[in-house]
Protein backbone atom coordinates (compact mmCIF):
# COMPACT_ATOMS: atom_id res chain seq x y z
CA MET A 1 0.04 -0.13 -0.09
CA ARG A 2 1.59 3.30 -0.71
CA ILE A 3 0.16 6.38 1.64
CA LEU A 4 0.94 10.19 1.10
CA HIS A 5 0.74 12.05 4.29
CA LEU A 6 -0.23 15.51 3.39
CA ILE A 7 0.16 18.17 5.74
CA ASP A 8 0.17 22.01 6.06
CA SER A 9 3.12 22.93 8.08
CA LEU A 10 5.54 20.24 9.97
CA ASP A 11 6.56 23.00 12.75
CA TYR A 12 5.72 21.91 16.23
CA SER A 13 1.86 21.29 16.33
CA GLY A 14 -0.36 17.98 17.42
CA SER A 15 -0.49 16.38 13.88
CA ALA A 16 2.73 17.11 12.75
CA ARG A 17 3.65 14.93 16.53
CA GLN A 18 2.00 12.41 14.96
CA LEU A 19 3.45 12.55 11.51
CA GLN A 20 6.85 12.42 13.74
CA VAL A 21 5.35 9.38 15.71
CA LEU A 22 3.70 7.21 12.97
CA GLY A 23 5.73 8.09 10.15
CA PRO A 24 9.26 6.31 10.64
CA ALA A 25 6.88 3.47 12.37
CA LEU A 26 4.69 3.24 9.42
CA ALA A 27 7.71 3.30 6.95
CA ASN A 28 9.39 0.06 8.39
CA THR A 29 6.63 -2.02 7.46
CA THR A 30 5.74 -2.96 3.88
CA THR A 31 3.83 0.56 3.62
CA ALA A 32 5.16 2.73 1.37
CA VAL A 33 4.73 6.28 3.14
CA GLU A 34 6.03 9.67 1.96
CA ILE A 35 5.31 12.93 3.72
CA CYS A 36 4.24 15.96 1.77
CA CYS A 37 4.83 19.53 3.99
CA LEU A 38 3.30 22.59 2.25
CA GLY A 39 5.38 24.76 3.78
CA SER A 40 9.56 24.77 4.98
CA GLU A 41 11.77 22.48 6.12
CA SER A 42 11.78 22.52 9.79
CA PRO A 43 14.27 20.54 11.96
CA TRP A 44 10.92 17.48 12.08
CA SER A 45 11.14 16.95 8.32
CA ALA A 46 15.20 16.36 8.73
CA SER A 47 14.75 14.01 11.47
CA LEU A 48 11.78 11.82 9.59
CA ARG A 49 14.57 11.82 7.36
CA GLN A 50 16.87 10.16 9.49
CA ALA A 51 14.31 7.61 10.38
CA GLY A 52 13.98 6.47 6.13
CA VAL A 53 10.40 8.70 5.72
CA ILE A 54 10.71 10.63 2.66
CA VAL A 55 10.01 13.90 2.77
CA HIS A 56 9.15 16.98 0.36
CA ALA A 57 8.88 20.52 1.59
CA LEU A 58 7.27 22.35 -1.11
CA GLY A 59 8.09 25.81 0.69
CA TRP A 60 4.54 27.37 0.15
CA THR A 61 5.60 30.92 0.76
CA ARG A 62 2.46 33.10 -0.13
CA TRP A 63 -1.14 33.22 -0.43
CA PHE A 64 -1.46 31.12 -3.61
CA ASP A 65 1.67 29.50 -4.49
CA PHE A 66 1.85 28.07 -7.90
CA ASN A 67 5.04 26.44 -7.83
CA ALA A 68 4.32 24.66 -4.41
CA LEU A 69 0.62 23.44 -5.85
CA TRP A 70 2.67 21.88 -9.11
CA ASN A 71 5.19 20.36 -7.35
CA LEU A 72 2.32 18.76 -5.45
CA ARG A 73 0.64 17.87 -8.26
CA GLU A 74 3.83 15.97 -9.53
CA ILE A 75 4.45 14.29 -6.70
CA LEU A 76 0.60 12.97 -6.82
CA ALA A 77 1.78 11.52 -10.42
CA ALA A 78 4.57 10.31 -9.61
CA MET A 79 3.35 8.37 -6.16
CA SER A 80 0.21 7.04 -7.39
CA PRO A 81 -0.85 6.84 -3.46
CA ASP A 82 -3.53 4.23 -2.62
CA VAL A 83 -4.44 6.64 0.11
CA ILE A 84 -4.02 10.05 0.91
CA HIS A 85 -3.31 11.04 4.93
CA VAL A 86 -4.57 14.44 4.86
CA TRP A 87 -3.60 16.54 8.15
CA ARG A 88 -5.81 19.94 8.46
CA LEU A 89 -7.80 22.29 6.34
CA PRO A 90 -5.44 23.94 4.38
CA ALA A 91 -3.67 20.57 2.74
CA LEU A 92 -7.38 19.29 2.15
CA ARG A 93 -7.97 22.66 -0.03
CA ALA A 94 -4.68 22.52 -1.26
CA LEU A 95 -5.25 18.92 -2.59
CA ALA A 96 -8.55 20.01 -3.94
CA LEU A 97 -6.99 22.35 -6.05
CA VAL A 98 -4.63 20.42 -7.57
CA ALA A 99 -6.60 17.08 -7.88
CA LYS A 100 -9.81 16.81 -6.54
CA ASP A 101 -10.16 13.77 -8.42
CA LEU A 102 -8.24 12.28 -5.69
CA LEU A 103 -11.09 13.27 -2.59
CA PRO A 104 -12.28 10.11 -2.66
CA ARG A 105 -8.46 8.66 -1.51
CA VAL A 106 -8.17 11.10 1.20
CA VAL A 107 -8.18 10.09 5.25
CA MET A 108 -8.65 13.14 6.87
CA SER A 109 -7.37 14.16 10.33
CA ALA A 110 -7.91 16.97 12.29
CA PRO A 111 -11.21 18.36 10.35
CA LEU A 112 -12.20 20.64 12.93
CA PRO A 113 -11.02 24.59 12.88
CA ALA A 114 -9.73 25.63 16.54
CA ARG A 115 -12.64 28.00 16.50
CA GLY A 116 -16.34 27.99 15.76
CA LYS A 117 -17.56 25.64 12.90
CA LEU A 118 -16.57 24.54 9.58
CA ALA A 119 -16.92 26.72 6.83
CA TRP A 120 -19.44 25.91 3.95
CA TRP A 121 -16.62 25.40 1.31
CA ASP A 122 -14.55 23.14 3.76
CA ARG A 123 -18.13 21.21 4.82
CA ARG A 124 -18.76 20.82 0.85
CA LEU A 125 -15.04 19.02 0.75
CA LEU A 126 -15.28 16.74 3.52
CA ARG A 127 -18.17 15.60 1.80
CA HIS A 128 -16.18 13.90 -0.72
CA VAL A 129 -13.31 11.98 1.01
CA ARG A 130 -13.39 8.95 1.87
CA CYS A 131 -13.50 8.65 5.62
CA MET A 132 -12.36 11.15 9.05
CA ALA A 133 -10.26 10.12 11.76
CA VAL A 134 -10.36 12.36 14.94
CA ALA A 135 -8.44 12.28 18.21
CA GLY A 136 -11.13 11.95 20.59
CA VAL A 137 -15.46 11.55 21.57
CA SER A 138 -15.38 15.23 22.10
CA ASP A 139 -13.77 16.15 18.47
CA ARG A 140 -16.01 13.15 17.15
CA GLN A 141 -19.20 15.06 18.59
CA ARG A 142 -18.19 18.59 16.81
CA CYS A 143 -18.47 16.79 13.73
CA LEU A 144 -21.34 15.29 14.36
CA GLN A 145 -22.78 18.89 15.05
CA ASP A 146 -21.85 19.98 12.15
CA GLY A 147 -22.97 17.59 9.60
CA ILE A 148 -20.57 15.36 8.96
CA ALA A 149 -21.79 11.50 8.58
CA GLN A 150 -21.62 9.02 11.25
CA ALA A 151 -20.22 6.01 9.20
CA ALA A 152 -17.25 8.39 7.76
CA LEU A 153 -16.17 8.93 10.92
CA HIS A 154 -13.40 7.06 12.85
CA VAL A 155 -12.05 7.80 16.74
CA VAL A 156 -8.32 6.94 16.74
CA PRO A 157 -6.60 8.46 20.24
CA PRO A 158 -3.01 10.07 19.12
CA ALA A 159 0.42 8.16 20.17
CA VAL A 160 2.68 9.24 22.65
CA VAL A 161 6.08 8.40 23.29
CA SER A 162 6.74 7.88 26.84
CA GLU A 163 10.63 8.58 27.39
CA ASP A 164 12.87 6.52 29.53
CA ALA A 165 14.70 8.84 31.95
CA ALA A 166 15.78 8.41 35.53
CA ASP A 167 14.63 12.35 36.54
CA THR A 168 10.88 11.72 36.00
CA PHE A 169 9.19 13.62 38.48
CA GLY A 170 9.59 17.37 39.81
CA ALA A 171 9.84 16.30 43.26
CA MET A 172 13.28 14.14 42.80
CA ARG A 173 14.98 17.39 42.26
CA GLU A 174 16.30 20.73 43.38
CA PRO A 175 12.94 23.02 42.70
CA CYS A 176 13.31 25.42 39.74
CA GLN A 177 10.12 27.10 40.09
CA THR A 178 9.90 26.94 36.33
CA ILE A 179 7.08 26.76 33.80
CA VAL A 180 6.64 26.03 30.50
CA CYS A 181 3.72 26.41 27.68
CA VAL A 182 4.04 25.16 23.92
CA GLY A 183 2.05 25.82 20.74
CA LYS A 184 1.93 28.50 18.64
CA LEU A 185 2.44 32.27 19.91
CA GLU A 186 -1.57 32.95 18.65
CA ARG A 187 -5.00 33.75 19.98
CA GLU A 188 -6.18 30.31 20.47
CA GLU A 189 -2.81 29.25 22.51
CA GLY A 190 -3.72 31.43 25.53
CA ALA A 191 -0.19 32.72 25.64
CA ARG A 192 -1.69 36.12 26.63
CA HIS A 193 -3.30 34.58 29.56
CA ALA A 194 -0.22 32.94 30.95
CA ILE A 195 1.42 35.96 30.92
CA TRP A 196 -0.67 37.58 33.12
CA ALA A 197 -1.19 34.71 35.44
CA PHE A 198 2.37 34.36 35.45
CA ASP A 199 2.66 38.43 36.52
CA ILE A 200 0.55 37.44 39.59
CA LEU A 201 2.69 34.41 40.65
CA LEU A 202 5.60 36.58 40.34
CA HIS A 203 4.56 38.43 43.88
CA LEU A 204 4.97 35.35 45.38
CA PHE A 205 8.13 33.57 43.97
CA PRO A 206 10.24 36.10 42.56
CA LYS A 207 12.71 33.62 40.76
CA ALA A 208 9.84 31.76 38.97
CA GLN A 209 10.55 31.68 35.07
CA LEU A 210 8.00 31.38 32.39
CA GLN A 211 9.42 29.67 28.85
CA LEU A 212 7.15 29.97 25.75
CA ALA A 213 8.04 26.87 23.36
CA GLY A 214 6.68 28.99 20.19
CA ALA A 215 6.28 31.34 17.17
CA GLY A 216 3.28 32.86 16.06
CA SER A 217 1.78 36.05 14.71
CA GLN A 218 1.28 37.26 18.59
CA GLU A 219 5.08 37.10 19.27
CA PRO A 220 5.72 41.01 18.82
CA ALA A 221 2.28 42.05 20.67
CA LEU A 222 3.43 39.32 23.74
CA ARG A 223 7.15 40.34 24.23
CA ALA A 224 5.06 43.69 24.42
CA LEU A 225 2.98 43.35 27.26
CA VAL A 226 6.07 41.23 28.84
CA GLN A 227 8.33 44.50 28.69
CA GLY A 228 5.31 46.41 29.87
CA LEU A 229 5.06 44.50 33.10
CA GLN A 230 8.64 44.89 33.33
CA ASN A 231 9.28 40.60 33.38
CA ALA A 232 11.75 40.63 30.50
CA ALA A 233 14.28 38.83 33.04
CA ASN A 234 11.56 35.82 33.97
CA VAL A 235 9.96 35.48 30.53
CA GLN A 236 11.30 33.50 27.73
CA PHE A 237 10.09 33.06 24.29
CA LEU A 238 12.45 30.02 22.94
CA GLY A 239 10.99 30.27 19.70
CA ALA A 240 9.97 27.25 17.18
CA ALA A 241 13.13 25.13 16.44
CA VAL A 242 13.92 24.51 20.28
CA ASP A 243 13.58 20.52 21.87
CA VAL A 244 10.35 20.52 22.93
CA THR A 245 11.05 17.13 25.18
CA LYS A 246 14.09 18.92 26.62
CA VAL A 247 11.92 21.94 27.58
CA VAL A 248 8.81 20.36 29.39
CA ARG A 249 10.96 17.86 30.60
CA ALA A 250 13.19 21.01 32.45
CA ALA A 251 9.96 22.13 34.05
CA GLU A 252 8.11 21.78 37.32
CA VAL A 253 4.31 22.99 35.69
CA VAL A 254 3.17 22.54 32.27
CA TRP A 255 0.40 25.31 31.59
CA VAL A 256 -2.21 24.57 28.73
CA PRO A 257 -4.04 27.52 28.75
CA SER A 258 -6.10 26.97 25.54
CA GLN A 259 -8.76 29.65 24.52
CA ALA A 260 -10.42 27.15 22.26
CA ASN A 261 -10.62 23.39 22.26
CA CYS A 262 -6.83 22.74 21.33
CA GLY A 263 -4.00 21.83 23.09
CA ARG A 264 -4.57 17.84 23.72
CA GLN A 265 -1.16 16.75 22.25
CA VAL A 266 0.62 19.34 24.23
CA ALA A 267 -0.97 17.77 27.56
CA LEU A 268 -0.40 14.21 27.05
CA GLU A 269 3.70 14.65 26.12
CA ALA A 270 3.96 16.56 29.23
CA MET A 271 2.40 13.68 30.81
CA ALA A 272 4.64 11.58 29.52
CA SER A 273 7.45 12.83 31.17
CA GLY A 274 5.87 12.66 34.21
CA ARG A 275 5.19 16.51 34.54
CA ALA A 276 2.29 18.70 36.53
CA VAL A 277 0.13 19.66 33.81
CA ILE A 278 -2.14 22.59 34.56
CA ALA A 279 -4.78 22.88 31.70
CA SER A 280 -8.01 24.84 30.44
CA ASP A 281 -11.04 22.88 31.07
CA VAL A 282 -12.29 23.12 27.46
CA PRO A 283 -13.22 19.14 26.23
CA CYS A 284 -10.48 18.07 24.67
CA LEU A 285 -8.41 18.31 27.49
CA ARG A 286 -11.26 17.39 29.77
CA GLU A 287 -11.01 13.74 28.20
CA VAL A 288 -7.11 13.31 29.21
CA LEU A 289 -6.79 15.11 32.58
CA ARG A 290 -8.45 13.87 35.38
CA GLU A 291 -8.91 16.50 38.01
CA GLY A 292 -6.59 16.36 41.08
CA GLU A 293 -5.49 12.80 39.80
CA THR A 294 -3.70 13.13 36.41
CA GLY A 295 -3.32 17.08 35.90
CA PHE A 296 -5.86 20.12 37.41
CA LEU A 297 -8.48 21.97 34.74
CA VAL A 298 -9.39 25.75 35.71
CA PRO A 299 -11.41 27.95 33.10
CA ALA A 300 -9.25 29.37 30.42
CA ALA A 301 -9.19 33.07 31.09
CA ASP A 302 -9.10 33.10 34.52
CA VAL A 303 -5.88 34.01 36.00
CA VAL A 304 -6.20 34.00 39.54
CA ALA A 305 -6.87 30.33 39.37
CA TRP A 306 -4.02 29.39 37.22
CA ALA A 307 -1.61 31.13 39.44
CA ARG A 308 -3.20 30.11 43.31
CA ARG A 309 -3.01 26.26 41.49
CA THR A 310 0.90 26.26 40.76
CA ARG A 311 1.43 28.26 43.87
CA LEU A 312 0.10 25.03 45.41
CA LEU A 313 1.84 22.36 43.23
CA PHE A 314 5.16 24.60 43.75
CA HIS A 315 4.90 24.37 47.47
CA GLU A 316 4.12 20.54 47.67
CA GLY A 317 6.81 18.52 45.79
CA GLN A 318 4.50 15.03 46.61
CA LEU A 319 1.77 16.32 45.08
CA ARG A 320 3.52 17.05 42.50
CA GLN A 321 5.35 13.23 42.60
CA ARG A 322 1.45 11.68 42.67
CA ILE A 323 -0.23 14.00 39.91
CA GLY A 324 2.97 13.31 37.56
CA ALA A 325 3.34 9.73 38.23
CA CYS A 326 -0.54 9.05 37.96
CA ALA A 327 -0.49 10.89 34.11
CA ARG A 328 2.58 9.42 33.25
CA GLN A 329 0.71 5.38 34.08
CA TYR A 330 -2.37 6.60 32.40
CA VAL A 331 -0.68 7.65 29.00
CA GLN A 332 1.70 4.84 28.72
CA ARG A 333 -2.11 2.59 29.49
CA GLN A 334 -4.09 4.52 27.10
CA PHE A 335 -2.14 6.34 24.44
CA SER A 336 0.43 3.54 23.57
CA PRO A 337 2.38 4.68 19.85
CA SER A 338 2.00 0.73 19.09
CA ASP A 339 -1.96 0.91 19.64
CA ALA A 340 -2.31 3.72 17.56
CA ILE A 341 -0.28 2.25 14.54
CA GLU A 342 -2.62 -0.55 14.47
CA CYS A 343 -5.82 1.49 14.49
CA TRP A 344 -3.99 3.81 11.70
CA ARG A 345 -3.17 0.75 9.58
CA ASN A 346 -7.31 -0.28 10.05
CA VAL A 347 -8.36 2.83 9.08
CA TYR A 348 -6.17 2.82 5.98
CA HIS A 349 -7.02 -0.80 4.64
CA SER A 350 -10.80 0.19 4.86
CA ALA A 351 -9.56 3.36 3.14
CA ALA A 352 -8.31 1.79 0.19
CA THR A 353 -11.05 -0.89 -0.45
C-alpha cells in the first residue's frame, strides 16, 4: 500500500507530532510512506528523513503559491498513492485545487477549526473524502454537529512516546520554579493569559521562570506585554526550533492555557514526561485530564485560578510527584504508539478497499 501524508506545516503541532511518531513506524513495514509538507523545512522534516521517511517540503511562501501547487501535482502523479492522509484543512484545500478527483482516496485528520464552525466550502470538500479520523470523543461530537456523517468517522487516540529517564518527577530534584507553555503564539493558544497569570505568581515567587516554546503572529504583542509588565528577566521566548521534550522535562509545571478546543498533544506529552499539568477546562483537555489525579483543569481566562493552582504545586513537592506519576502511567496505558499504529493500519485498509 502506498500512503502519502499531506500536511500544511511540520512546525510543532499535534498533527506534526503524530506524523513524527507514525511516519517511521509505518515506513518500517511493507507500507510505502511519503510525507508532503506544503511549508518549509523544519527540524522535524530532517529527523523524519533520518528515520528513513521520504519528506517533500514545498516551501509555500505566499497566499497562493503556484509553484508549490505544481510540485504537489507532480508528487501525486509520481507516487500514485492508494491513500492520501491529509492533516488539517489548509492541506485539504491545496489537494482539492490540484487533484479534486483524488478526494475519495483521502483519510482526513484534524478536520475542525480551532474556533467556530466549519465554513461551507470546507464542509463541501469533506463530503467527498473517504473517511475522517479524530483524536477524541469531543471532536467526534463536533463533527456530527457540523453535519459530518457518522459512518465516515473514526476515533483514533493520539500516539504519545514516553521517554525513559532517571529524572521523571519534579519532586526528585531541586525546585526550579519553571513553568513551560508549548504551542503556536496565536490567540487560541492562550499565551497572553499565561503571561498575566505569571505576573500574579511573580509576587509570590520572584525567581520563577515562564518559558514560551513556539512562534506565531502574536509574538510581537506578547513581547510588548512582557516588557510593559517589566517581567522580561523572567519570561523567555524560546522559538519554534527548540527541543520541546527537553524543555518540558526541565520544567516543574506545564501550562496548557488554550482559549479554544486545542492543546491535547501538549498536555499528553507533558504527562508522559511525568510533569504536573494545569490546563484549560475545554472539551479535548477534559478528556485526557482527571481533576486532581492526572492534572488540574481551570477556567481558561481565570488568571487568578492559574496562579493559585501553580502556587500549590510549587509548594507541594509530593503532590507534584503523585500527579506526575499518575499522569505518566495513564498515558502509557491509553496512548501507546503501537495501539495507535494498529488503529491507523485498519483505517488505511478500510479506505483503500
